[in-house]
Amino acid sequence: MNRYGKPFAKGEPVLILDRKDREYYDILEKDKVTNIRGDLLQHNDILGREEGFILESQRGTPYRIFRPTLGEHTRLMPRGAQVIYPKDLGMILIWADIYPGATVVECGLGSGAMTSALLRAVGPRGKVISYEIRGDFIRNATRNLHNFIGPKKNHIIRQMDIYEEFVDDHVDRLILDVPEPWRAIEKAAPHLRPGAIVCSYSPTVLQVKETVDTLRRLKCFTQFQTLETLLREWNIEGLSVRPNLRMVAHTAFLTFARRLQT
């Protein structure tokens, strides 16, 4: 469980950075050792200390010790399914207007990356309901969620086929990360409150077209918008100022729409 501003405790994730800024992720346990190419880092030397310190291995190699951010946790945590990348998580939170106190239904729990972001955004007064049909995804995501943010009473997991069942009402936001989001939209539409926002995450443009066609056909949605986010970092070292040679380009299309009164 992530405890910001407090000493590291057992069961928390830890981010370890080497001299080349390479990242290593682990879960802290008493007497456990993280082995980085022969460099041994004792977890007992991390537990009880505040983040931001330098820890030397038995060979004298320095490593910087931090708590992972949500973005780092998303990229480095154990995966049972492909995750939504941080650049898309940020867009979803803002463009879908995930606000404190909202009731959000997400379809497709995956590895729990989106769920972590949603739970932080809705706060203790909000509620996140996750529909996921696969038990192995649920087990892995539950572990990741517990490691990063701890148990949450306002998170409900429904092991259901979203294409067949939708049992929640007066939903404020609907986030879809499923292969056929148009099928989920048809089932969910009657349960969304007027003004609710739908966000669909789809890798291919053919999925986007089918989704938008369905939204238009239902005649209870408006303000359709589809976008993608491309992320490129820059290298700033002395006189070397240039874009990095690699970038995170297309990951998925994000499609948004708003529910009308009917």
C-alpha atoms as a PDB file:
ATOM      1  CA  MET A   1       0.000   0.000   0.000  1.00  0.00           C
ATOM      2  CA  ASN A   2       1.411   3.381  -0.992  1.00  0.00           C
ATOM      3  CA  ARG A   3       1.934   5.712   2.014  1.00  0.00           C
ATOM      4  CA  TYR A   4       3.046   9.048   0.621  1.00  0.00           C
ATOM      5  CA  GLY A   5       5.410  11.050   2.833  1.00  0.00           C
ATOM      6  CA  LYS A   6       5.892   8.217   5.317  1.00  0.00           C
ATOM      7  CA  PRO A   7       8.676   5.659   5.801  1.00  0.00           C
ATOM      8  CA  PHE A   8       8.636   2.563   3.601  1.00  0.00           C
ATOM      9  CA  ALA A   9       6.632  -0.346   5.004  1.00  0.00           C
ATOM     10  CA  LYS A  10       6.297  -4.030   4.209  1.00  0.00           C
ATOM     11  CA  GLY A  11       4.108  -4.764   1.202  1.00  0.00           C
ATOM     12  CA  GLU A  12       4.757  -1.416  -0.532  1.00  0.00           C
ATOM     13  CA  PRO A  13       6.098  -1.118  -4.090  1.00  0.00           C
ATOM     14  CA  VAL A  14       9.542   0.418  -4.454  1.00  0.00           C
ATOM     15  CA  LEU A  15      11.227   2.025  -7.472  1.00  0.00           C
ATOM     16  CA  ILE A  16      14.993   1.545  -7.781  1.00  0.00           C
ATOM     17  CA  LEU A  17      17.006   3.681 -10.232  1.00  0.00           C
ATOM     18  CA  ASP A  18      20.566   2.913 -11.320  1.00  0.00           C
ATOM     19  CA  ARG A  19      23.179   5.380 -12.604  1.00  0.00           C
ATOM     20  CA  LYS A  20      21.716   5.220 -16.141  1.00  0.00           C
ATOM     21  CA  ASP A  21      18.149   5.886 -14.890  1.00  0.00           C
ATOM     22  CA  ARG A  22      17.118   2.313 -15.622  1.00  0.00           C
ATOM     23  CA  GLU A  23      14.083   1.403 -13.528  1.00  0.00           C
ATOM     24  CA  TYR A  24      13.554  -1.647 -11.308  1.00  0.00           C
ATOM     25  CA  TYR A  25      10.312  -2.399  -9.468  1.00  0.00           C
ATOM     26  CA  ASP A  26       9.790  -4.660  -6.475  1.00  0.00           C
ATOM     27  CA  ILE A  27       7.481  -5.235  -3.513  1.00  0.00           C
ATOM     28  CA  LEU A  28       9.158  -4.692  -0.150  1.00  0.00           C
ATOM     29  CA  GLU A  29       9.360  -7.664   2.216  1.00  0.00           C
ATOM     30  CA  LYS A  30      11.402  -8.276   5.344  1.00  0.00           C
ATOM     31  CA  ASP A  31      14.675 -10.159   4.644  1.00  0.00           C
ATOM     32  CA  LYS A  32      14.035 -10.074   0.875  1.00  0.00           C
ATOM     33  CA  VAL A  33      16.851  -9.187  -1.550  1.00  0.00           C
ATOM     34  CA  THR A  34      16.552  -7.546  -4.965  1.00  0.00           C
ATOM     35  CA  ASN A  35      19.241  -8.815  -7.330  1.00  0.00           C
ATOM     36  CA  ILE A  36      20.156  -6.387 -10.135  1.00  0.00           C
ATOM     37  CA  ARG A  37      22.777  -8.073 -12.334  1.00  0.00           C
ATOM     38  CA  GLY A  38      24.656  -9.289  -9.278  1.00  0.00           C
ATOM     39  CA  ASP A  39      24.131  -6.147  -7.199  1.00  0.00           C
ATOM     40  CA  LEU A  40      22.256  -7.180  -4.060  1.00  0.00           C
ATOM     41  CA  LEU A  41      19.941  -4.673  -2.385  1.00  0.00           C
ATOM     42  CA  GLN A  42      18.613  -5.658   1.037  1.00  0.00           C
ATOM     43  CA  HIS A  43      14.967  -4.733   1.643  1.00  0.00           C
ATOM     44  CA  ASN A  44      15.748  -4.444   5.357  1.00  0.00           C
ATOM     45  CA  ASP A  45      17.940  -1.441   4.403  1.00  0.00           C
ATOM     46  CA  ILE A  46      14.921   0.234   2.757  1.00  0.00           C
ATOM     47  CA  LEU A  47      12.137  -0.551   5.242  1.00  0.00           C
ATOM     48  CA  GLY A  48      11.571   2.233   7.749  1.00  0.00           C
ATOM     49  CA  ARG A  49      13.378   4.878   5.681  1.00  0.00           C
ATOM     50  CA  GLU A  50      11.895   7.766   3.719  1.00  0.00           C
ATOM     51  CA  GLU A  51      12.183   7.782  -0.069  1.00  0.00           C
ATOM     52  CA  GLY A  52      14.821   9.705  -2.010  1.00  0.00           C
ATOM     53  CA  PHE A  53      17.928   8.200  -0.426  1.00  0.00           C
ATOM     54  CA  ILE A  54      20.886   6.455  -2.064  1.00  0.00           C
ATOM     55  CA  LEU A  55      21.479   2.801  -1.217  1.00  0.00           C
ATOM     56  CA  GLU A  56      24.728   1.041  -2.095  1.00  0.00           C
ATOM     57  CA  SER A  57      24.849  -2.621  -3.044  1.00  0.00           C
ATOM     58  CA  GLN A  58      27.380  -5.050  -1.556  1.00  0.00           C
ATOM     59  CA  ARG A  59      29.670  -4.044  -4.457  1.00  0.00           C
ATOM     60  CA  GLY A  60      29.380  -0.336  -3.654  1.00  0.00           C
ATOM     61  CA  THR A  61      27.104   0.472  -6.624  1.00  0.00           C
ATOM     62  CA  PRO A  62      24.770   3.376  -5.792  1.00  0.00           C
ATOM     63  CA  TYR A  63      21.012   3.124  -6.425  1.00  0.00           C
ATOM     64  CA  ARG A  64      18.346   5.773  -5.799  1.00  0.00           C
ATOM     65  CA  ILE A  65      15.262   4.635  -3.882  1.00  0.00           C
ATOM     66  CA  PHE A  66      11.795   6.112  -4.484  1.00  0.00           C
ATOM     67  CA  ARG A  67       8.126   5.239  -4.339  1.00  0.00           C
ATOM     68  CA  PRO A  68       6.789   4.654  -7.854  1.00  0.00           C
ATOM     69  CA  THR A  69       4.381   7.223  -9.217  1.00  0.00           C
ATOM     70  CA  LEU A  70       1.099   6.022 -10.689  1.00  0.00           C
ATOM     71  CA  GLY A  71       2.639   6.240 -14.161  1.00  0.00           C
ATOM     72  CA  GLU A  72       5.698   4.217 -13.140  1.00  0.00           C
ATOM     73  CA  HIS A  73       3.545   1.669 -11.327  1.00  0.00           C
ATOM     74  CA  THR A  74       1.410   1.314 -14.456  1.00  0.00           C
ATOM     75  CA  ARG A  75       4.417   0.589 -16.671  1.00  0.00           C
ATOM     76  CA  LEU A  76       6.347  -1.659 -14.286  1.00  0.00           C
ATOM     77  CA  MET A  77       3.772  -3.629 -12.257  1.00  0.00           C
ATOM     78  CA  PRO A  78       3.147  -7.350 -12.958  1.00  0.00           C
ATOM     79  CA  ARG A  79       0.773  -7.660 -15.897  1.00  0.00           C
ATOM     80  CA  GLY A  80      -1.974 -10.163 -16.536  1.00  0.00           C
ATOM     81  CA  ALA A  81      -3.225  -8.124 -19.472  1.00  0.00           C
ATOM     82  CA  GLN A  82      -2.029  -5.195 -21.557  1.00  0.00           C
ATOM     83  CA  VAL A  83      -2.291  -1.948 -19.594  1.00  0.00           C
ATOM     84  CA  ILE A  84      -3.512   1.492 -20.606  1.00  0.00           C
ATOM     85  CA  TYR A  85      -0.391   3.644 -20.884  1.00  0.00           C
ATOM     86  CA  PRO A  86       0.075   6.729 -18.655  1.00  0.00           C
ATOM     87  CA  LYS A  87      -0.306   9.137 -21.577  1.00  0.00           C
ATOM     88  CA  ASP A  88      -3.777   7.715 -22.224  1.00  0.00           C
ATOM     89  CA  LEU A  89      -4.689   7.506 -18.535  1.00  0.00           C
ATOM     90  CA  GLY A  90      -4.132  11.240 -18.196  1.00  0.00           C
ATOM     91  CA  MET A  91      -6.289  11.999 -21.223  1.00  0.00           C
ATOM     92  CA  ILE A  92      -9.092   9.760 -19.960  1.00  0.00           C
ATOM     93  CA  LEU A  93      -9.136  11.362 -16.509  1.00  0.00           C
ATOM     94  CA  ILE A  94      -9.415  14.881 -17.947  1.00  0.00           C
ATOM     95  CA  TRP A  95     -11.462  14.397 -21.110  1.00  0.00           C
ATOM     96  CA  ALA A  96     -13.924  12.051 -19.404  1.00  0.00           C
ATOM     97  CA  ASP A  97     -13.970  14.472 -16.449  1.00  0.00           C
ATOM     98  CA  ILE A  98     -13.496  11.912 -13.678  1.00  0.00           C
ATOM     99  CA  TYR A  99     -14.383  13.955 -10.598  1.00  0.00           C
ATOM    100  CA  PRO A 100     -14.436  13.398  -6.800  1.00  0.00           C
ATOM    101  CA  GLY A 101     -17.630  11.644  -5.769  1.00  0.00           C
ATOM    102  CA  ALA A 102     -18.405  10.186  -9.216  1.00  0.00           C
ATOM    103  CA  THR A 103     -19.779   6.701  -9.788  1.00  0.00           C
ATOM    104  CA  VAL A 104     -17.604   5.223 -12.525  1.00  0.00           C
ATOM    105  CA  VAL A 105     -18.107   1.894 -14.249  1.00  0.00           C
ATOM    106  CA  GLU A 106     -15.113   0.451 -16.071  1.00  0.00           C
ATOM    107  CA  CYS A 107     -15.488  -2.528 -18.371  1.00  0.00           C
ATOM    108  CA  GLY A 108     -12.304  -4.564 -18.520  1.00  0.00           C
ATOM    109  CA  LEU A 109     -10.288  -4.657 -15.274  1.00  0.00           C
ATOM    110  CA  GLY A 110      -7.098  -5.836 -16.969  1.00  0.00           C
ATOM    111  CA  SER A 111      -4.077  -5.421 -14.687  1.00  0.00           C
ATOM    112  CA  GLY A 112      -5.659  -2.637 -12.609  1.00  0.00           C
ATOM    113  CA  ALA A 113      -3.849   0.408 -14.055  1.00  0.00           C
ATOM    114  CA  MET A 114      -6.996   2.292 -15.051  1.00  0.00           C
ATOM    115  CA  THR A 115      -8.668   1.282 -11.805  1.00  0.00           C
ATOM    116  CA  SER A 116      -5.840   2.780  -9.721  1.00  0.00           C
ATOM    117  CA  ALA A 117      -6.189   6.090 -11.546  1.00  0.00           C
ATOM    118  CA  LEU A 118      -9.983   6.098 -11.256  1.00  0.00           C
ATOM    119  CA  LEU A 119      -9.961   5.356  -7.519  1.00  0.00           C
ATOM    120  CA  ARG A 120      -7.561   8.224  -6.854  1.00  0.00           C
ATOM    121  CA  ALA A 121      -9.688  10.571  -8.976  1.00  0.00           C
ATOM    122  CA  VAL A 122     -13.120   9.760  -7.479  1.00  0.00           C
ATOM    123  CA  GLY A 123     -11.794   9.885  -3.901  1.00  0.00           C
ATOM    124  CA  PRO A 124     -13.428   8.293  -0.857  1.00  0.00           C
ATOM    125  CA  ARG A 125     -16.874   9.728  -1.706  1.00  0.00           C
ATOM    126  CA  GLY A 126     -16.884   8.204  -5.178  1.00  0.00           C
ATOM    127  CA  LYS A 127     -17.233   4.635  -6.361  1.00  0.00           C
ATOM    128  CA  VAL A 128     -15.520   2.532  -9.027  1.00  0.00           C
ATOM    129  CA  ILE A 129     -17.261  -0.588 -10.334  1.00  0.00           C
ATOM    130  CA  SER A 130     -15.194  -2.962 -12.470  1.00  0.00           C
ATOM    131  CA  TYR A 131     -16.743  -5.539 -14.795  1.00  0.00           C
ATOM    132  CA  GLU A 132     -14.323  -8.345 -15.662  1.00  0.00           C
ATOM    133  CA  ILE A 133     -15.152 -11.841 -16.859  1.00  0.00           C
ATOM    134  CA  ARG A 134     -11.720 -13.462 -16.368  1.00  0.00           C
ATOM    135  CA  GLY A 135     -10.827 -14.683 -12.890  1.00  0.00           C
ATOM    136  CA  ASP A 136      -7.061 -14.644 -13.530  1.00  0.00           C
ATOM    137  CA  PHE A 137      -7.218 -10.958 -14.497  1.00  0.00           C
ATOM    138  CA  ILE A 138      -9.210 -10.211 -11.339  1.00  0.00           C
ATOM    139  CA  ARG A 139      -6.659 -11.940  -9.112  1.00  0.00           C
ATOM    140  CA  ASN A 140      -3.657 -10.203 -10.668  1.00  0.00           C
ATOM    141  CA  ALA A 141      -5.333  -6.774 -10.728  1.00  0.00           C
ATOM    142  CA  THR A 142      -6.439  -7.143  -7.102  1.00  0.00           C
ATOM    143  CA  ARG A 143      -2.821  -7.799  -6.056  1.00  0.00           C
ATOM    144  CA  ASN A 144      -1.584  -4.770  -8.000  1.00  0.00           C
ATOM    145  CA  LEU A 145      -4.285  -2.537  -6.543  1.00  0.00           C
ATOM    146  CA  HIS A 146      -3.591  -3.717  -3.001  1.00  0.00           C
ATOM    147  CA  ASN A 147       0.168  -3.146  -3.408  1.00  0.00           C
ATOM    148  CA  PHE A 148      -0.239   0.372  -4.771  1.00  0.00           C
ATOM    149  CA  ILE A 149      -3.252   1.905  -3.002  1.00  0.00           C
ATOM    150  CA  GLY A 150      -4.352  -0.725  -0.496  1.00  0.00           C
ATOM    151  CA  PRO A 151      -7.859  -2.171  -0.056  1.00  0.00           C
ATOM    152  CA  LYS A 152     -10.696   0.185  -1.018  1.00  0.00           C
ATOM    153  CA  LYS A 153     -14.263  -0.237   0.187  1.00  0.00           C
ATOM    154  CA  ASN A 154     -15.486   1.920  -2.691  1.00  0.00           C
ATOM    155  CA  HIS A 155     -14.184  -0.502  -5.333  1.00  0.00           C
ATOM    156  CA  ILE A 156     -16.626  -3.179  -6.484  1.00  0.00           C
ATOM    157  CA  ILE A 157     -15.627  -6.012  -8.839  1.00  0.00           C
ATOM    158  CA  ARG A 158     -18.358  -7.778 -10.798  1.00  0.00           C
ATOM    159  CA  GLN A 159     -17.284 -10.992 -12.516  1.00  0.00           C
ATOM    160  CA  MET A 160     -19.784 -10.613 -15.340  1.00  0.00           C
ATOM    161  CA  ASP A 161     -19.902 -10.506 -19.127  1.00  0.00           C
ATOM    162  CA  ILE A 162     -20.584  -6.829 -19.828  1.00  0.00           C
ATOM    163  CA  TYR A 163     -22.039  -7.764 -23.218  1.00  0.00           C
ATOM    164  CA  GLU A 164     -24.781  -9.719 -21.450  1.00  0.00           C
ATOM    165  CA  GLU A 165     -25.375  -7.971 -18.098  1.00  0.00           C
ATOM    166  CA  PHE A 166     -25.274  -4.427 -16.708  1.00  0.00           C
ATOM    167  CA  VAL A 167     -26.692  -4.159 -13.208  1.00  0.00           C
ATOM    168  CA  ASP A 168     -25.741  -0.632 -12.058  1.00  0.00           C
ATOM    169  CA  ASP A 169     -27.893   2.489 -12.385  1.00  0.00           C
ATOM    170  CA  HIS A 170     -27.357   6.271 -12.398  1.00  0.00           C
ATOM    171  CA  VAL A 171     -23.789   5.847 -13.637  1.00  0.00           C
ATOM    172  CA  ASP A 172     -21.821   9.100 -14.056  1.00  0.00           C
ATOM    173  CA  ARG A 173     -18.976   7.823 -16.235  1.00  0.00           C
ATOM    174  CA  LEU A 174     -18.469   4.695 -18.355  1.00  0.00           C
ATOM    175  CA  ILE A 175     -14.938   3.631 -19.338  1.00  0.00           C
ATOM    176  CA  LEU A 176     -14.675   0.819 -21.900  1.00  0.00           C
ATOM    177  CA  ASP A 177     -11.542  -1.232 -22.565  1.00  0.00           C
ATOM    178  CA  VAL A 178     -13.070  -4.255 -24.292  1.00  0.00           C
ATOM    179  CA  PRO A 179     -12.741  -5.714 -27.816  1.00  0.00           C
ATOM    180  CA  GLU A 180     -16.311  -4.822 -28.854  1.00  0.00           C
ATOM    181  CA  PRO A 181     -17.248  -1.648 -26.946  1.00  0.00           C
ATOM    182  CA  TRP A 182     -20.342  -1.052 -29.090  1.00  0.00           C
ATOM    183  CA  ARG A 183     -21.955  -4.131 -27.560  1.00  0.00           C
ATOM    184  CA  ALA A 184     -21.285  -2.843 -24.044  1.00  0.00           C
ATOM    185  CA  ILE A 185     -22.668   0.594 -24.948  1.00  0.00           C
ATOM    186  CA  GLU A 186     -25.984  -0.877 -26.086  1.00  0.00           C
ATOM    187  CA  LYS A 187     -26.343  -2.746 -22.798  1.00  0.00           C
ATOM    188  CA  ALA A 188     -25.207   0.180 -20.606  1.00  0.00           C
ATOM    189  CA  ALA A 189     -26.952   3.122 -22.289  1.00  0.00           C
ATOM    190  CA  PRO A 190     -30.254   2.891 -20.327  1.00  0.00           C
ATOM    191  CA  HIS A 191     -28.307   2.900 -17.035  1.00  0.00           C
ATOM    192  CA  LEU A 192     -26.335   6.112 -17.631  1.00  0.00           C
ATOM    193  CA  ARG A 193     -27.643   9.339 -16.153  1.00  0.00           C
ATOM    194  CA  PRO A 194     -28.291  12.322 -18.463  1.00  0.00           C
ATOM    195  CA  GLY A 195     -24.986  14.132 -18.937  1.00  0.00           C
ATOM    196  CA  ALA A 196     -22.921  11.001 -18.294  1.00  0.00           C
ATOM    197  CA  ILE A 197     -19.740  10.626 -20.339  1.00  0.00           C
ATOM    198  CA  VAL A 198     -18.677   7.485 -22.182  1.00  0.00           C
ATOM    199  CA  CYS A 199     -15.018   6.848 -23.020  1.00  0.00           C
ATOM    200  CA  SER A 200     -13.949   3.935 -25.220  1.00  0.00           C
ATOM    201  CA  TYR A 201     -10.307   2.828 -25.536  1.00  0.00           C
ATOM    202  CA  SER A 202      -9.731   0.962 -28.829  1.00  0.00           C
ATOM    203  CA  PRO A 203      -6.492   0.028 -30.625  1.00  0.00           C
ATOM    204  CA  THR A 204      -7.917   0.007 -34.179  1.00  0.00           C
ATOM    205  CA  VAL A 205      -9.872   2.552 -36.174  1.00  0.00           C
ATOM    206  CA  LEU A 206     -12.328  -0.133 -37.315  1.00  0.00           C
ATOM    207  CA  GLN A 207     -13.342  -0.574 -33.661  1.00  0.00           C
ATOM    208  CA  VAL A 208     -13.753   3.184 -33.417  1.00  0.00           C
ATOM    209  CA  LYS A 209     -16.042   3.321 -36.452  1.00  0.00           C
ATOM    210  CA  GLU A 210     -18.301   0.572 -35.130  1.00  0.00           C
ATOM    211  CA  THR A 211     -18.437   2.295 -31.741  1.00  0.00           C
ATOM    212  CA  VAL A 212     -19.329   5.714 -33.160  1.00  0.00           C
ATOM    213  CA  ASP A 213     -21.894   4.202 -35.534  1.00  0.00           C
ATOM    214  CA  THR A 214     -23.581   2.546 -32.549  1.00  0.00           C
ATOM    215  CA  LEU A 215     -23.526   5.735 -30.482  1.00  0.00           C
ATOM    216  CA  ARG A 216     -25.207   7.638 -33.323  1.00  0.00           C
ATOM    217  CA  ARG A 217     -27.746   4.898 -33.992  1.00  0.00           C
ATOM    218  CA  LEU A 218     -28.915   4.857 -30.369  1.00  0.00           C
ATOM    219  CA  LYS A 219     -29.878   8.572 -30.703  1.00  0.00           C
ATOM    220  CA  CYS A 220     -29.244   9.260 -27.019  1.00  0.00           C
ATOM    221  CA  PHE A 221     -25.634  10.436 -27.265  1.00  0.00           C
ATOM    222  CA  THR A 222     -24.016  13.608 -28.556  1.00  0.00           C
ATOM    223  CA  GLN A 223     -20.679  15.474 -28.698  1.00  0.00           C
ATOM    224  CA  PHE A 224     -18.743  12.643 -30.333  1.00  0.00           C
ATOM    225  CA  GLN A 225     -14.967  12.982 -30.319  1.00  0.00           C
ATOM    226  CA  THR A 226     -12.123  10.628 -31.196  1.00  0.00           C
ATOM    227  CA  LEU A 227      -8.454  11.375 -30.562  1.00  0.00           C
ATOM    228  CA  GLU A 228      -5.066   9.792 -29.994  1.00  0.00           C
ATOM    229  CA  THR A 229      -2.086  10.997 -27.980  1.00  0.00           C
ATOM    230  CA  LEU A 230       1.527  10.879 -29.169  1.00  0.00           C
ATOM    231  CA  LEU A 231       4.255  11.337 -26.552  1.00  0.00           C
ATOM    232  CA  ARG A 232       7.850  12.352 -27.348  1.00  0.00           C
ATOM    233  CA  GLU A 233      10.453  13.189 -24.730  1.00  0.00           C
ATOM    234  CA  TRP A 234      13.453  15.494 -25.262  1.00  0.00           C
ATOM    235  CA  ASN A 235      17.082  14.983 -24.313  1.00  0.00           C
ATOM    236  CA  ILE A 236      18.682  18.012 -22.574  1.00  0.00           C
ATOM    237  CA  GLU A 237      22.389  17.474 -21.800  1.00  0.00           C
ATOM    238  CA  GLY A 238      24.738  20.446 -22.147  1.00  0.00           C
ATOM    239  CA  LEU A 239      24.726  21.540 -25.784  1.00  0.00           C
ATOM    240  CA  SER A 240      22.863  18.408 -26.837  1.00  0.00           C
ATOM    241  CA  VAL A 241      19.228  19.488 -27.085  1.00  0.00           C
ATOM    242  CA  ARG A 242      17.203  17.152 -29.283  1.00  0.00           C
ATOM    243  CA  PRO A 243      14.160  14.927 -29.284  1.00  0.00           C
ATOM    244  CA  ASN A 244      14.740  11.385 -28.068  1.00  0.00           C
ATOM    245  CA  LEU A 245      15.225   8.837 -30.823  1.00  0.00           C
ATOM    246  CA  ARG A 246      12.287   6.804 -29.526  1.00  0.00           C
ATOM    247  CA  MET A 247       8.762   7.931 -28.728  1.00  0.00           C
ATOM    248  CA  VAL A 248       5.482   6.442 -27.511  1.00  0.00           C
ATOM    249  CA  ALA A 249       3.309   6.921 -30.569  1.00  0.00           C
ATOM    250  CA  HIS A 250       0.015   5.164 -31.286  1.00  0.00           C
ATOM    251  CA  THR A 251      -1.308   2.999 -28.479  1.00  0.00           C
ATOM    252  CA  ALA A 252      -5.065   3.415 -28.926  1.00  0.00           C
ATOM    253  CA  PHE A 253      -7.856   5.743 -29.990  1.00  0.00           C
ATOM    254  CA  LEU A 254      -9.997   7.381 -27.314  1.00  0.00           C
ATOM    255  CA  THR A 255     -13.635   7.985 -28.255  1.00  0.00           C
ATOM    256  CA  PHE A 256     -15.889  10.163 -26.091  1.00  0.00           C
ATOM    257  CA  ALA A 257     -19.608  10.915 -26.108  1.00  0.00           C
ATOM    258  CA  ARG A 258     -22.201  12.428 -23.715  1.00  0.00           C
ATOM    259  CA  ARG A 259     -25.586  11.024 -22.730  1.00  0.00           C
ATOM    260  CA  LEU A 260     -28.681  13.027 -23.662  1.00  0.00           C
ATOM    261  CA  GLN A 261     -32.011  13.049 -21.894  1.00  0.00           C
ATOM    262  CA  THR A 262     -34.554  10.872 -23.666  1.00  0.00           C
END
